[in-house]
Amino acid sequence: GLGWRKADGPSVSLFVVRDDRVMPGQQIVHFVVKSPLPNGDRITLDLFNKSGSNDDQGLPINGTGAAATYDWPRYFARLAYDPKVNFTQENMTRLSIGIRF
């Protein structure tokens, strides 16, 4: 991967995750932008593309998804669309909320 960060400002990164544990050739390419907000909160956008094959039927996988996260100092909320979740033919939309500790 590679990335760039402005001092006390936004950051941009591009990286590839390759995982051959289940099926050879599975990979996800991420493009992530993180930006602080004037009130001390932060927003993160993650665009990703996954490709490869699944382990059930050997069908090709290719899907583009996105996640948007809003970070408060102690909490976060994330909305994500994850196509071909876990390299299956299923698509998933998730809403996550959490506490940082």
Protein backbone atom coordinates (compact mmCIF):
# COMPACT_ATOMS: atom_id res chain seq x y z
CA GLY A 1 0.00 0.00 0.00
CA LEU A 2 0.85 3.64 -0.10
CA GLY A 3 -0.52 6.75 1.46
CA TRP A 4 -0.22 10.45 2.13
CA ARG A 5 -1.15 12.52 5.15
CA LYS A 6 -1.24 16.25 5.59
CA ALA A 7 -0.12 17.40 9.05
CA ASP A 8 -3.27 17.80 11.17
CA GLY A 9 -5.35 17.24 8.04
CA PRO A 10 -6.75 14.60 5.77
CA SER A 11 -5.05 11.37 4.76
CA VAL A 12 -5.40 9.25 1.63
CA SER A 13 -4.28 5.64 1.22
CA LEU A 14 -4.45 2.93 -1.41
CA PHE A 15 -3.68 -0.66 -0.47
CA VAL A 16 -4.28 -4.23 -1.57
CA VAL A 17 -5.10 -7.17 0.70
CA ARG A 18 -4.42 -10.60 -0.81
CA ASP A 19 -5.56 -13.73 0.98
CA ASP A 20 -4.84 -17.20 -0.37
CA ARG A 21 -5.89 -19.17 2.72
CA VAL A 22 -9.24 -20.33 1.31
CA MET A 23 -8.95 -19.80 -2.45
CA PRO A 24 -5.95 -18.56 -4.45
CA GLY A 25 -6.26 -15.14 -6.03
CA GLN A 26 -8.70 -13.45 -3.66
CA GLN A 27 -7.89 -9.77 -3.22
CA ILE A 28 -9.46 -6.51 -2.08
CA VAL A 29 -8.21 -3.10 -3.21
CA HIS A 30 -9.04 -0.24 -0.80
CA PHE A 31 -9.00 3.52 -1.40
CA VAL A 32 -9.43 5.27 1.97
CA VAL A 33 -9.83 8.97 2.75
CA LYS A 34 -9.83 10.15 6.38
CA SER A 35 -10.58 13.74 7.21
CA PRO A 36 -10.75 15.54 10.54
CA LEU A 37 -13.66 17.93 11.02
CA PRO A 38 -13.44 21.39 12.62
CA ASN A 39 -15.29 20.21 15.75
CA GLY A 40 -12.72 17.44 16.47
CA ASP A 41 -14.74 14.61 14.94
CA ARG A 42 -13.58 12.66 11.88
CA ILE A 43 -15.11 11.15 8.76
CA THR A 44 -13.69 8.17 6.86
CA LEU A 45 -14.67 6.97 3.40
CA ASP A 46 -13.51 3.55 2.15
CA LEU A 47 -14.13 2.53 -1.46
CA PHE A 48 -13.11 -1.02 -2.26
CA ASN A 49 -13.17 -3.64 -4.98
CA LYS A 50 -12.90 -7.35 -4.34
CA SER A 51 -12.05 -9.95 -6.94
CA GLY A 52 -11.15 -13.62 -7.11
CA SER A 53 -13.21 -16.78 -6.82
CA ASN A 54 -15.25 -18.28 -4.02
CA ASP A 55 -14.64 -21.67 -2.43
CA ASP A 56 -18.15 -23.10 -2.91
CA GLN A 57 -18.66 -23.18 -6.65
CA GLY A 58 -15.55 -21.56 -8.07
CA LEU A 59 -17.65 -18.72 -9.51
CA PRO A 60 -15.81 -15.48 -10.21
CA ILE A 61 -16.21 -12.69 -7.69
CA ASN A 62 -16.05 -9.03 -8.62
CA GLY A 63 -17.78 -6.36 -6.59
CA THR A 64 -17.28 -2.73 -5.62
CA GLY A 65 -18.46 -1.47 -2.25
CA ALA A 66 -18.13 1.44 0.11
CA ALA A 67 -18.15 2.28 3.82
CA ALA A 68 -18.65 5.65 5.48
CA THR A 69 -17.68 6.12 9.12
CA TYR A 70 -18.34 9.07 11.42
CA ASP A 71 -16.05 9.20 14.48
CA TRP A 72 -16.77 11.12 17.64
CA PRO A 73 -14.05 11.12 20.33
CA ARG A 74 -15.57 8.09 22.09
CA TYR A 75 -18.14 6.63 19.64
CA PHE A 76 -18.46 5.77 15.97
CA ALA A 77 -21.15 4.93 13.42
CA ARG A 78 -20.50 3.14 10.11
CA LEU A 79 -22.71 2.38 7.14
CA ALA A 80 -21.28 -0.08 4.63
CA TYR A 81 -22.34 -1.86 1.48
CA ASP A 82 -20.27 -5.04 1.10
CA PRO A 83 -20.88 -6.89 -2.17
CA LYS A 84 -19.82 -10.53 -2.40
CA VAL A 85 -19.33 -10.64 1.37
CA ASN A 86 -16.66 -13.16 2.43
CA PHE A 87 -16.19 -13.99 -1.26
CA THR A 88 -19.65 -15.50 -1.65
CA GLN A 89 -22.40 -14.51 -4.10
CA GLU A 90 -24.25 -12.67 -1.26
CA ASN A 91 -24.34 -8.88 -0.80
CA MET A 92 -24.66 -7.19 2.58
CA THR A 93 -25.51 -3.75 3.91
CA ARG A 94 -24.34 -3.11 7.49
CA LEU A 95 -24.91 -0.43 10.08
CA SER A 96 -22.41 -0.53 12.94
CA ILE A 97 -22.24 1.60 16.06
CA GLY A 98 -19.66 1.29 18.76
CA ILE A 99 -17.71 2.66 21.69
CA ARG A 100 -13.95 3.20 21.65
CA PHE A 101 -12.07 1.97 24.67
